[in-house]
Amino acid sequence: MKITMAHGSGGKSTSDLIGTIFEKEFGDPVLSKMEDSAVLPGAGRIALTTDSFVVTPVFFPGGDIGRLCVCGTVNDLLMSGAVPKYLTCGFILEEGAETDDLRKIARSMSETAKEAGVRIVAGDTKVVEGSGGVYINTAGVGFVPDGIDIGAENCREGDAILISGNLGDHHAAVMSRRMGIENTIVSDCAPLVEMVNAMKQSGVHIHAMRDVTRGGLGTVLNEFASSSGCTIELEEESLPVSEQVRGFCGVLGLDPLYMGNEGKMVAAVAAEDAERAVACIRASRYGENAAVIGHVATGERILLLKTPIGGTRVVGPLYGEGLPRIC
């Protein structure tokens, strides 16, 4: 069955679509009340985030737009030190979208939400004219424990800069599928709950965290440097990149520093905690290739990259369009 304009009318077709796909797949008692808003237990400090996902194609090696939207929202909450709890999702469906595809996307969202330990508690669906596209907007709520203060402005001299794994996998996977390039690269799309919890529980002093999505590592670390008033120095040889992605970049002239990821995080931690932090990440799901890649130094608000031959170059933020658009 294909999506028609009737599915966006607010009548029976809308009700049937919600009941047979979203309510069935998400299966949350609060969502099933179908109220205008979800009433939920709360806490002292709340973290709130929102994002929109417009990836093409919606199914790609290693994931789909459903897994992507849950991971992206959960990871944004985690990076502020929050414990993710609740998600909402708004679907904008173009006429002609396949309900079978929509069911797969909803099921993927449900499975990923369970993996991340969050609940999808509210949503909305709109149908517009078009050619079968699917777009998702999310909001996420998490609770911030007392004593947590994590932010880019907290980077300080001597901090170690860590990355949780290989760069560029998601970008390369989506681009390969879009361009019809055959390889075995799969997206790194994943929720980072386990590794963040492991670091927090082990007492690692985390000063800043950010998931490395649009704009890539180069853009994120420029934001760290700007916010904290420090210089960040990276070692090019320490940057983890798989051989396949490195080859892919070589063919297309891409730089892993600016490639999007959907299951990687960068963190600034106290120097004395660096080894413990890396061990925590490597022992967690999705973190086996974690590495220390640099440190925070005094100086101007810039990002520097030390090359294997002993040179140093300034790395600016991404300018222009970092294709493909992944969220």
C-alpha atoms as a PDB file:
ATOM      1  CA  MET A   1       0.000   0.000   0.000  1.00  0.00           C
ATOM      2  CA  LYS A   2       1.214   3.504  -0.795  1.00  0.00           C
ATOM      3  CA  ILE A   3       0.772   6.646   1.291  1.00  0.00           C
ATOM      4  CA  THR A   4      -1.985   8.885  -0.068  1.00  0.00           C
ATOM      5  CA  MET A   5      -3.027  12.412   0.869  1.00  0.00           C
ATOM      6  CA  ALA A   6      -5.883  10.824   2.858  1.00  0.00           C
ATOM      7  CA  HIS A   7      -3.338   9.499   5.340  1.00  0.00           C
ATOM      8  CA  GLY A   8      -2.631  13.097   6.337  1.00  0.00           C
ATOM      9  CA  SER A   9      -6.265  14.157   6.695  1.00  0.00           C
ATOM     10  CA  GLY A  10      -6.600  13.469  10.417  1.00  0.00           C
ATOM     11  CA  GLY A  11      -9.462  11.038   9.777  1.00  0.00           C
ATOM     12  CA  LYS A  12      -9.738   7.258   9.723  1.00  0.00           C
ATOM     13  CA  SER A  13      -6.892   6.755   7.287  1.00  0.00           C
ATOM     14  CA  THR A  14      -4.614   8.702   9.601  1.00  0.00           C
ATOM     15  CA  SER A  15      -5.855   6.745  12.600  1.00  0.00           C
ATOM     16  CA  ASP A  16      -5.338   3.441  10.806  1.00  0.00           C
ATOM     17  CA  LEU A  17      -1.826   4.421   9.764  1.00  0.00           C
ATOM     18  CA  ILE A  18      -0.881   5.400  13.322  1.00  0.00           C
ATOM     19  CA  GLY A  19      -2.531   2.348  14.864  1.00  0.00           C
ATOM     20  CA  THR A  20      -1.190  -0.290  12.474  1.00  0.00           C
ATOM     21  CA  ILE A  21       2.373   0.997  12.204  1.00  0.00           C
ATOM     22  CA  PHE A  22       3.519   3.514  14.816  1.00  0.00           C
ATOM     23  CA  GLU A  23       1.498   2.438  17.844  1.00  0.00           C
ATOM     24  CA  LYS A  24       2.042  -1.218  17.038  1.00  0.00           C
ATOM     25  CA  GLU A  25       5.805  -0.904  16.581  1.00  0.00           C
ATOM     26  CA  PHE A  26       6.530   1.559  19.410  1.00  0.00           C
ATOM     27  CA  GLY A  27       4.149  -0.080  21.890  1.00  0.00           C
ATOM     28  CA  ASP A  28       4.469   2.487  24.678  1.00  0.00           C
ATOM     29  CA  PRO A  29       1.544   2.888  27.111  1.00  0.00           C
ATOM     30  CA  VAL A  30       1.898   6.684  27.277  1.00  0.00           C
ATOM     31  CA  LEU A  31       1.987   6.978  23.497  1.00  0.00           C
ATOM     32  CA  SER A  32      -1.028   4.685  23.205  1.00  0.00           C
ATOM     33  CA  LYS A  33      -3.170   7.210  25.092  1.00  0.00           C
ATOM     34  CA  MET A  34      -2.943   9.409  21.963  1.00  0.00           C
ATOM     35  CA  GLU A  35      -3.201  12.646  23.950  1.00  0.00           C
ATOM     36  CA  ASP A  36      -1.993  16.004  22.599  1.00  0.00           C
ATOM     37  CA  SER A  37       1.014  15.848  24.910  1.00  0.00           C
ATOM     38  CA  ALA A  38       2.684  13.179  27.012  1.00  0.00           C
ATOM     39  CA  VAL A  39       2.691  13.643  30.802  1.00  0.00           C
ATOM     40  CA  LEU A  40       5.882  12.132  32.191  1.00  0.00           C
ATOM     41  CA  PRO A  41       7.770  11.833  35.467  1.00  0.00           C
ATOM     42  CA  GLY A  42      10.482  14.479  35.679  1.00  0.00           C
ATOM     43  CA  ALA A  43      13.652  15.516  37.466  1.00  0.00           C
ATOM     44  CA  GLY A  44      15.529  18.643  38.555  1.00  0.00           C
ATOM     45  CA  ARG A  45      17.535  19.543  35.450  1.00  0.00           C
ATOM     46  CA  ILE A  46      16.201  18.548  32.032  1.00  0.00           C
ATOM     47  CA  ALA A  47      18.129  18.341  28.765  1.00  0.00           C
ATOM     48  CA  LEU A  48      16.038  18.937  25.645  1.00  0.00           C
ATOM     49  CA  THR A  49      17.100  18.511  22.034  1.00  0.00           C
ATOM     50  CA  THR A  50      15.480  18.396  18.612  1.00  0.00           C
ATOM     51  CA  ASP A  51      16.680  17.344  15.177  1.00  0.00           C
ATOM     52  CA  SER A  52      15.392  16.655  11.676  1.00  0.00           C
ATOM     53  CA  PHE A  53      16.490  13.821   9.418  1.00  0.00           C
ATOM     54  CA  VAL A  54      16.415  14.008   5.627  1.00  0.00           C
ATOM     55  CA  VAL A  55      18.930  11.356   4.562  1.00  0.00           C
ATOM     56  CA  THR A  56      18.842   9.985   1.013  1.00  0.00           C
ATOM     57  CA  PRO A  57      18.542   7.057   0.558  1.00  0.00           C
ATOM     58  CA  VAL A  58      16.465   6.264   3.647  1.00  0.00           C
ATOM     59  CA  PHE A  59      17.911   2.717   3.733  1.00  0.00           C
ATOM     60  CA  PHE A  60      21.693   2.412   3.623  1.00  0.00           C
ATOM     61  CA  PRO A  61      24.330  -0.180   4.590  1.00  0.00           C
ATOM     62  CA  GLY A  62      24.294  -0.480   8.363  1.00  0.00           C
ATOM     63  CA  GLY A  63      21.089   1.422   9.049  1.00  0.00           C
ATOM     64  CA  ASP A  64      18.155   3.505   7.903  1.00  0.00           C
ATOM     65  CA  ILE A  65      16.522   6.831   8.677  1.00  0.00           C
ATOM     66  CA  GLY A  66      14.673   5.279  11.640  1.00  0.00           C
ATOM     67  CA  ARG A  67      17.810   4.069  13.413  1.00  0.00           C
ATOM     68  CA  LEU A  68      19.541   7.288  12.428  1.00  0.00           C
ATOM     69  CA  CYS A  69      16.964   9.573  14.037  1.00  0.00           C
ATOM     70  CA  VAL A  70      16.961   7.693  17.351  1.00  0.00           C
ATOM     71  CA  CYS A  71      20.752   7.491  17.528  1.00  0.00           C
ATOM     72  CA  GLY A  72      21.205  11.124  16.590  1.00  0.00           C
ATOM     73  CA  THR A  73      18.769  12.350  19.232  1.00  0.00           C
ATOM     74  CA  VAL A  74      19.973  10.027  21.995  1.00  0.00           C
ATOM     75  CA  ASN A  75      23.606  10.881  21.327  1.00  0.00           C
ATOM     76  CA  ASP A  76      22.908  14.622  21.456  1.00  0.00           C
ATOM     77  CA  LEU A  77      21.450  14.170  24.945  1.00  0.00           C
ATOM     78  CA  LEU A  78      24.345  12.003  26.075  1.00  0.00           C
ATOM     79  CA  MET A  79      26.903  14.614  25.038  1.00  0.00           C
ATOM     80  CA  SER A  80      25.508  17.073  27.591  1.00  0.00           C
ATOM     81  CA  GLY A  81      25.896  14.488  30.352  1.00  0.00           C
ATOM     82  CA  ALA A  82      22.164  13.763  30.447  1.00  0.00           C
ATOM     83  CA  VAL A  83      20.533  10.377  30.879  1.00  0.00           C
ATOM     84  CA  PRO A  84      18.254  10.062  27.798  1.00  0.00           C
ATOM     85  CA  LYS A  85      14.686   9.084  28.660  1.00  0.00           C
ATOM     86  CA  TYR A  86      11.998  10.158  26.173  1.00  0.00           C
ATOM     87  CA  LEU A  87      11.707  10.823  22.449  1.00  0.00           C
ATOM     88  CA  THR A  88       9.029  12.253  20.196  1.00  0.00           C
ATOM     89  CA  CYS A  89       8.916  11.771  16.452  1.00  0.00           C
ATOM     90  CA  GLY A  90       7.167  13.734  13.724  1.00  0.00           C
ATOM     91  CA  PHE A  91       6.851  12.121  10.295  1.00  0.00           C
ATOM     92  CA  ILE A  92       6.500  14.146   7.096  1.00  0.00           C
ATOM     93  CA  LEU A  93       5.540  11.670   4.396  1.00  0.00           C
ATOM     94  CA  GLU A  94       5.381  12.448   0.715  1.00  0.00           C
ATOM     95  CA  GLU A  95       2.513  10.980  -1.240  1.00  0.00           C
ATOM     96  CA  GLY A  96       3.616   7.696  -2.758  1.00  0.00           C
ATOM     97  CA  ALA A  97       5.713   6.517   0.186  1.00  0.00           C
ATOM     98  CA  GLU A  98       5.400   2.771   0.730  1.00  0.00           C
ATOM     99  CA  THR A  99       3.755   1.656   3.975  1.00  0.00           C
ATOM    100  CA  ASP A 100       5.986  -1.438   3.981  1.00  0.00           C
ATOM    101  CA  ASP A 101       9.015   0.846   4.062  1.00  0.00           C
ATOM    102  CA  LEU A 102       7.408   2.950   6.773  1.00  0.00           C
ATOM    103  CA  ARG A 103       6.805  -0.152   8.869  1.00  0.00           C
ATOM    104  CA  LYS A 104      10.469  -1.150   8.523  1.00  0.00           C
ATOM    105  CA  ILE A 105      11.531   2.339   9.583  1.00  0.00           C
ATOM    106  CA  ALA A 106       9.201   2.316  12.597  1.00  0.00           C
ATOM    107  CA  ARG A 107      10.426  -1.130  13.626  1.00  0.00           C
ATOM    108  CA  SER A 108      14.026   0.028  13.338  1.00  0.00           C
ATOM    109  CA  MET A 109      13.224   3.033  15.532  1.00  0.00           C
ATOM    110  CA  SER A 110      11.594   0.798  18.113  1.00  0.00           C
ATOM    111  CA  GLU A 111      14.524  -1.616  18.240  1.00  0.00           C
ATOM    112  CA  THR A 112      17.070   1.185  18.479  1.00  0.00           C
ATOM    113  CA  ALA A 113      15.091   2.939  21.220  1.00  0.00           C
ATOM    114  CA  LYS A 114      15.087  -0.283  23.245  1.00  0.00           C
ATOM    115  CA  GLU A 115      18.832  -0.662  22.742  1.00  0.00           C
ATOM    116  CA  ALA A 116      19.378   2.918  23.926  1.00  0.00           C
ATOM    117  CA  GLY A 117      17.008   2.586  26.897  1.00  0.00           C
ATOM    118  CA  VAL A 118      14.613   5.342  25.819  1.00  0.00           C
ATOM    119  CA  ARG A 119      10.878   5.492  25.155  1.00  0.00           C
ATOM    120  CA  ILE A 120       9.090   7.007  22.162  1.00  0.00           C
ATOM    121  CA  VAL A 121       6.150   8.674  23.876  1.00  0.00           C
ATOM    122  CA  ALA A 122       4.596  11.139  21.392  1.00  0.00           C
ATOM    123  CA  GLY A 123       4.479  11.805  17.686  1.00  0.00           C
ATOM    124  CA  ASP A 124       2.797  13.409  14.714  1.00  0.00           C
ATOM    125  CA  THR A 125       2.250  12.529  11.056  1.00  0.00           C
ATOM    126  CA  LYS A 126       1.754  14.824   8.079  1.00  0.00           C
ATOM    127  CA  VAL A 127       1.394  13.911   4.404  1.00  0.00           C
ATOM    128  CA  VAL A 128       2.395  16.273   1.602  1.00  0.00           C
ATOM    129  CA  GLU A 129       2.504  16.041  -2.162  1.00  0.00           C
ATOM    130  CA  GLY A 130       5.713  14.595  -3.507  1.00  0.00           C
ATOM    131  CA  SER A 131       7.374  11.465  -4.801  1.00  0.00           C
ATOM    132  CA  GLY A 132       7.488   9.092  -1.850  1.00  0.00           C
ATOM    133  CA  GLY A 133      10.031  10.714   0.461  1.00  0.00           C
ATOM    134  CA  VAL A 134      10.146  10.197   4.232  1.00  0.00           C
ATOM    135  CA  TYR A 135      11.426  12.838   6.657  1.00  0.00           C
ATOM    136  CA  ILE A 136      11.509  12.644  10.459  1.00  0.00           C
ATOM    137  CA  ASN A 137      11.738  15.320  13.121  1.00  0.00           C
ATOM    138  CA  THR A 138      12.560  14.277  16.674  1.00  0.00           C
ATOM    139  CA  ALA A 139      12.724  15.798  20.124  1.00  0.00           C
ATOM    140  CA  GLY A 140      14.517  14.197  23.029  1.00  0.00           C
ATOM    141  CA  VAL A 141      14.361  14.708  26.784  1.00  0.00           C
ATOM    142  CA  GLY A 142      16.955  13.584  29.294  1.00  0.00           C
ATOM    143  CA  PHE A 143      17.682  14.231  32.959  1.00  0.00           C
ATOM    144  CA  VAL A 144      21.001  15.755  34.036  1.00  0.00           C
ATOM    145  CA  PRO A 145      22.366  14.371  37.328  1.00  0.00           C
ATOM    146  CA  ASP A 146      23.584  16.793  39.984  1.00  0.00           C
ATOM    147  CA  GLY A 147      27.224  17.750  39.681  1.00  0.00           C
ATOM    148  CA  ILE A 148      27.435  17.211  35.908  1.00  0.00           C
ATOM    149  CA  ASP A 149      28.886  20.139  33.936  1.00  0.00           C
ATOM    150  CA  ILE A 150      29.984  19.092  30.469  1.00  0.00           C
ATOM    151  CA  GLY A 151      30.476  21.598  27.661  1.00  0.00           C
ATOM    152  CA  ALA A 152      32.940  22.779  25.034  1.00  0.00           C
ATOM    153  CA  GLU A 153      33.833  25.843  27.117  1.00  0.00           C
ATOM    154  CA  ASN A 154      35.247  23.538  29.820  1.00  0.00           C
ATOM    155  CA  CYS A 155      38.253  22.326  27.800  1.00  0.00           C
ATOM    156  CA  ARG A 156      41.437  23.208  29.667  1.00  0.00           C
ATOM    157  CA  GLU A 157      45.184  23.070  29.055  1.00  0.00           C
ATOM    158  CA  GLY A 158      46.535  19.531  29.227  1.00  0.00           C
ATOM    159  CA  ASP A 159      43.235  17.768  28.531  1.00  0.00           C
ATOM    160  CA  ALA A 160      43.453  14.680  26.335  1.00  0.00           C
ATOM    161  CA  ILE A 161      41.300  14.570  23.202  1.00  0.00           C
ATOM    162  CA  LEU A 162      39.734  11.153  22.566  1.00  0.00           C
ATOM    163  CA  ILE A 163      37.776   9.746  19.628  1.00  0.00           C
ATOM    164  CA  SER A 164      35.595   6.675  20.106  1.00  0.00           C
ATOM    165  CA  GLY A 165      36.393   5.005  16.787  1.00  0.00           C
ATOM    166  CA  ASN A 166      37.002   5.189  13.046  1.00  0.00           C
ATOM    167  CA  LEU A 167      36.094   8.354  11.170  1.00  0.00           C
ATOM    168  CA  GLY A 168      33.977   8.624   8.038  1.00  0.00           C
ATOM    169  CA  ASP A 169      32.117   5.296   7.976  1.00  0.00           C
ATOM    170  CA  HIS A 170      28.603   6.751   7.844  1.00  0.00           C
ATOM    171  CA  HIS A 171      29.446   9.392   5.257  1.00  0.00           C
ATOM    172  CA  ALA A 172      31.185   6.848   3.028  1.00  0.00           C
ATOM    173  CA  ALA A 173      28.370   4.270   3.370  1.00  0.00           C
ATOM    174  CA  VAL A 174      25.624   6.724   2.426  1.00  0.00           C
ATOM    175  CA  MET A 175      27.644   8.250  -0.395  1.00  0.00           C
ATOM    176  CA  SER A 176      28.521   4.816  -1.784  1.00  0.00           C
ATOM    177  CA  ARG A 177      24.871   3.772  -1.878  1.00  0.00           C
ATOM    178  CA  ARG A 178      23.835   7.079  -3.438  1.00  0.00           C
ATOM    179  CA  MET A 179      26.521   6.893  -6.133  1.00  0.00           C
ATOM    180  CA  GLY A 180      26.185   3.151  -6.825  1.00  0.00           C
ATOM    181  CA  ILE A 181      29.735   2.399  -5.671  1.00  0.00           C
ATOM    182  CA  GLU A 182      30.181  -1.210  -4.577  1.00  0.00           C
ATOM    183  CA  ASN A 183      32.124  -1.812  -1.372  1.00  0.00           C
ATOM    184  CA  THR A 184      31.566  -3.315   2.076  1.00  0.00           C
ATOM    185  CA  ILE A 185      31.591  -0.050   4.057  1.00  0.00           C
ATOM    186  CA  VAL A 186      28.709   0.146   6.535  1.00  0.00           C
ATOM    187  CA  SER A 187      27.418   3.064   8.563  1.00  0.00           C
ATOM    188  CA  ASP A 188      28.569   3.482  12.151  1.00  0.00           C
ATOM    189  CA  CYS A 189      25.038   4.573  13.150  1.00  0.00           C
ATOM    190  CA  ALA A 190      24.781   3.630  16.845  1.00  0.00           C
ATOM    191  CA  PRO A 191      23.661   4.870  20.268  1.00  0.00           C
ATOM    192  CA  LEU A 192      26.630   5.667  22.509  1.00  0.00           C
ATOM    193  CA  VAL A 193      24.927   5.060  25.855  1.00  0.00           C
ATOM    194  CA  GLU A 194      27.172   2.247  27.043  1.00  0.00           C
ATOM    195  CA  MET A 195      30.508   4.005  26.526  1.00  0.00           C
ATOM    196  CA  VAL A 196      29.352   7.300  28.060  1.00  0.00           C
ATOM    197  CA  ASN A 197      27.919   5.506  31.091  1.00  0.00           C
ATOM    198  CA  ALA A 198      31.114   3.508  31.485  1.00  0.00           C
ATOM    199  CA  MET A 199      33.249   6.649  31.604  1.00  0.00           C
ATOM    200  CA  LYS A 200      30.940   8.390  34.055  1.00  0.00           C
ATOM    201  CA  GLN A 201      30.722   5.354  36.333  1.00  0.00           C
ATOM    202  CA  SER A 202      34.503   4.921  36.369  1.00  0.00           C
ATOM    203  CA  GLY A 203      34.984   8.491  37.572  1.00  0.00           C
ATOM    204  CA  VAL A 204      36.593   9.907  34.425  1.00  0.00           C
ATOM    205  CA  HIS A 205      36.629  13.714  34.577  1.00  0.00           C
ATOM    206  CA  ILE A 206      34.855  14.560  31.323  1.00  0.00           C
ATOM    207  CA  HIS A 207      35.121  18.238  30.436  1.00  0.00           C
ATOM    208  CA  ALA A 208      33.534  18.209  26.962  1.00  0.00           C
ATOM    209  CA  MET A 209      31.822  15.720  24.648  1.00  0.00           C
ATOM    210  CA  ARG A 210      30.290  15.986  21.206  1.00  0.00           C
ATOM    211  CA  ASP A 211      29.018  13.457  18.685  1.00  0.00           C
ATOM    212  CA  VAL A 212      30.869  13.836  15.397  1.00  0.00           C
ATOM    213  CA  THR A 213      28.090  14.295  12.845  1.00  0.00           C
ATOM    214  CA  ARG A 214      27.700  16.968  10.172  1.00  0.00           C
ATOM    215  CA  GLY A 215      30.862  18.965   9.589  1.00  0.00           C
ATOM    216  CA  GLY A 216      33.043  16.169  10.923  1.00  0.00           C
ATOM    217  CA  LEU A 217      35.763  16.150  13.557  1.00  0.00           C
ATOM    218  CA  GLY A 218      37.459  19.252  12.151  1.00  0.00           C
ATOM    219  CA  THR A 219      34.371  21.385  12.665  1.00  0.00           C
ATOM    220  CA  VAL A 220      33.577  20.004  16.130  1.00  0.00           C
ATOM    221  CA  LEU A 221      37.094  20.596  17.462  1.00  0.00           C
ATOM    222  CA  ASN A 222      37.127  24.114  16.041  1.00  0.00           C
ATOM    223  CA  GLU A 223      34.017  24.702  18.140  1.00  0.00           C
ATOM    224  CA  PHE A 224      35.819  23.289  21.199  1.00  0.00           C
ATOM    225  CA  ALA A 225      38.778  25.609  20.598  1.00  0.00           C
ATOM    226  CA  SER A 226      36.583  28.652  20.037  1.00  0.00           C
ATOM    227  CA  SER A 227      34.372  28.054  23.082  1.00  0.00           C
ATOM    228  CA  SER A 228      37.244  27.360  25.474  1.00  0.00           C
ATOM    229  CA  GLY A 229      39.719  29.922  24.141  1.00  0.00           C
ATOM    230  CA  CYS A 230      42.362  27.224  23.713  1.00  0.00           C
ATOM    231  CA  THR A 231      44.416  25.641  20.963  1.00  0.00           C
ATOM    232  CA  ILE A 232      43.772  21.983  20.192  1.00  0.00           C
ATOM    233  CA  GLU A 233      46.591  19.963  18.692  1.00  0.00           C
ATOM    234  CA  LEU A 234      45.914  16.691  16.866  1.00  0.00           C
ATOM    235  CA  GLU A 235      48.310  13.975  15.723  1.00  0.00           C
ATOM    236  CA  GLU A 236      47.389  12.966  12.178  1.00  0.00           C
ATOM    237  CA  GLU A 237      48.902   9.498  12.600  1.00  0.00           C
ATOM    238  CA  SER A 238      46.615   8.850  15.597  1.00  0.00           C
ATOM    239  CA  LEU A 239      43.367   9.466  13.717  1.00  0.00           C
ATOM    240  CA  PRO A 240      41.588   6.096  13.256  1.00  0.00           C
ATOM    241  CA  VAL A 241      40.328   5.576   9.699  1.00  0.00           C
ATOM    242  CA  SER A 242      39.630   2.189   8.134  1.00  0.00           C
ATOM    243  CA  GLU A 243      41.573   1.189   5.030  1.00  0.00           C
ATOM    244  CA  GLN A 244      38.370   1.055   2.956  1.00  0.00           C
ATOM    245  CA  VAL A 245      37.287   4.544   3.976  1.00  0.00           C
ATOM    246  CA  ARG A 246      40.818   5.845   3.432  1.00  0.00           C
ATOM    247  CA  GLY A 247      40.765   4.409  -0.086  1.00  0.00           C
ATOM    248  CA  PHE A 248      37.287   5.804  -0.702  1.00  0.00           C
ATOM    249  CA  CYS A 249      38.517   9.246   0.355  1.00  0.00           C
ATOM    250  CA  GLY A 250      41.527   8.943  -1.926  1.00  0.00           C
ATOM    251  CA  VAL A 251      39.368   8.191  -4.958  1.00  0.00           C
ATOM    252  CA  LEU A 252      36.860  10.991  -4.334  1.00  0.00           C
ATOM    253  CA  GLY A 253      39.184  13.581  -2.805  1.00  0.00           C
ATOM    254  CA  LEU A 254      37.486  13.581   0.607  1.00  0.00           C
ATOM    255  CA  ASP A 255      39.056  14.374   3.981  1.00  0.00           C
ATOM    256  CA  PRO A 256      38.040  12.126   6.927  1.00  0.00           C
ATOM    257  CA  LEU A 257      38.317  15.172   9.201  1.00  0.00           C
ATOM    258  CA  TYR A 258      35.197  16.618   7.574  1.00  0.00           C
ATOM    259  CA  MET A 259      33.161  13.462   7.018  1.00  0.00           C
ATOM    260  CA  GLY A 260      29.928  12.863   8.918  1.00  0.00           C
ATOM    261  CA  ASN A 261      29.553  10.063  11.430  1.00  0.00           C
ATOM    262  CA  GLU A 262      26.521   8.849  13.375  1.00  0.00           C
ATOM    263  CA  GLY A 263      28.100   6.647  16.015  1.00  0.00           C
ATOM    264  CA  LYS A 264      31.271   8.430  17.055  1.00  0.00           C
ATOM    265  CA  MET A 265      32.015  10.863  19.851  1.00  0.00           C
ATOM    266  CA  VAL A 266      34.947  13.110  20.671  1.00  0.00           C
ATOM    267  CA  ALA A 267      35.744  14.008  24.265  1.00  0.00           C
ATOM    268  CA  ALA A 268      38.122  16.208  26.220  1.00  0.00           C
ATOM    269  CA  VAL A 269      39.052  14.535  29.504  1.00  0.00           C
ATOM    270  CA  ALA A 270      41.549  15.257  32.253  1.00  0.00           C
ATOM    271  CA  ALA A 271      45.000  14.079  31.173  1.00  0.00           C
ATOM    272  CA  GLU A 272      45.344  11.722  34.121  1.00  0.00           C
ATOM    273  CA  ASP A 273      42.113   9.959  33.105  1.00  0.00           C
ATOM    274  CA  ALA A 274      42.943   9.484  29.415  1.00  0.00           C
ATOM    275  CA  GLU A 275      44.040   5.839  29.563  1.00  0.00           C
ATOM    276  CA  ARG A 276      41.112   4.894  31.792  1.00  0.00           C
ATOM    277  CA  ALA A 277      38.671   6.674  29.478  1.00  0.00           C
ATOM    278  CA  VAL A 278      40.012   4.896  26.392  1.00  0.00           C
ATOM    279  CA  ALA A 279      39.823   1.544  28.204  1.00  0.00           C
ATOM    280  CA  CYS A 280      36.185   2.228  29.156  1.00  0.00           C
ATOM    281  CA  ILE A 281      35.269   3.080  25.580  1.00  0.00           C
ATOM    282  CA  ARG A 282      37.120   0.130  24.063  1.00  0.00           C
ATOM    283  CA  ALA A 283      35.356  -2.249  26.463  1.00  0.00           C
ATOM    284  CA  SER A 284      31.979  -0.851  25.378  1.00  0.00           C
ATOM    285  CA  ARG A 285      29.907  -1.712  22.351  1.00  0.00           C
ATOM    286  CA  TYR A 286      30.935   0.337  19.287  1.00  0.00           C
ATOM    287  CA  GLY A 287      34.141   1.606  20.921  1.00  0.00           C
ATOM    288  CA  GLU A 288      36.773  -0.960  19.969  1.00  0.00           C
ATOM    289  CA  ASN A 289      38.831   1.527  17.915  1.00  0.00           C
ATOM    290  CA  ALA A 290      38.903   4.354  20.471  1.00  0.00           C
ATOM    291  CA  ALA A 291      42.118   6.369  20.615  1.00  0.00           C
ATOM    292  CA  VAL A 292      43.799   9.423  22.104  1.00  0.00           C
ATOM    293  CA  ILE A 293      44.290  11.755  19.138  1.00  0.00           C
ATOM    294  CA  GLY A 294      45.574  14.976  20.672  1.00  0.00           C
ATOM    295  CA  HIS A 295      45.533  17.431  23.535  1.00  0.00           C
ATOM    296  CA  VAL A 296      44.465  20.913  24.575  1.00  0.00           C
ATOM    297  CA  ALA A 297      47.152  23.590  24.722  1.00  0.00           C
ATOM    298  CA  THR A 298      47.307  27.289  25.484  1.00  0.00           C
ATOM    299  CA  GLY A 299      47.236  29.739  22.630  1.00  0.00           C
ATOM    300  CA  GLU A 300      44.828  31.052  20.059  1.00  0.00           C
ATOM    301  CA  ARG A 301      41.392  29.570  19.381  1.00  0.00           C
ATOM    302  CA  ILE A 302      42.571  27.263  16.589  1.00  0.00           C
ATOM    303  CA  LEU A 303      42.846  23.610  15.657  1.00  0.00           C
ATOM    304  CA  LEU A 304      46.277  22.379  14.601  1.00  0.00           C
ATOM    305  CA  LEU A 305      47.175  19.087  12.915  1.00  0.00           C
ATOM    306  CA  LYS A 306      50.671  17.661  13.253  1.00  0.00           C
ATOM    307  CA  THR A 307      51.573  15.677  10.125  1.00  0.00           C
ATOM    308  CA  PRO A 308      53.669  12.484   9.976  1.00  0.00           C
ATOM    309  CA  ILE A 309      56.587  14.377   8.392  1.00  0.00           C
ATOM    310  CA  GLY A 310      56.799  16.853  11.269  1.00  0.00           C
ATOM    311  CA  GLY A 311      54.806  19.744   9.830  1.00  0.00           C
ATOM    312  CA  THR A 312      51.855  21.533  11.382  1.00  0.00           C
ATOM    313  CA  ARG A 313      48.833  22.945   9.592  1.00  0.00           C
ATOM    314  CA  VAL A 314      45.791  24.881  10.690  1.00  0.00           C
ATOM    315  CA  VAL A 315      42.510  22.973  10.291  1.00  0.00           C
ATOM    316  CA  GLY A 316      39.488  25.218   9.851  1.00  0.00           C
ATOM    317  CA  PRO A 317      35.808  24.305  10.090  1.00  0.00           C
ATOM    318  CA  LEU A 318      33.965  22.846   7.113  1.00  0.00           C
ATOM    319  CA  TYR A 319      32.946  25.417   4.532  1.00  0.00           C
ATOM    320  CA  GLY A 320      30.227  24.808   1.972  1.00  0.00           C
ATOM    321  CA  GLU A 321      28.153  21.654   1.635  1.00  0.00           C
ATOM    322  CA  GLY A 322      29.470  18.493   3.277  1.00  0.00           C
ATOM    323  CA  LEU A 323      27.566  15.993   1.150  1.00  0.00           C
ATOM    324  CA  PRO A 324      25.664  13.796   1.685  1.00  0.00           C
ATOM    325  CA  ARG A 325      23.119  15.561   3.867  1.00  0.00           C
ATOM    326  CA  ILE A 326      22.714  13.086   6.721  1.00  0.00           C
ATOM    327  CA  CYS A 327      20.354  14.862   9.093  1.00  0.00           C
END
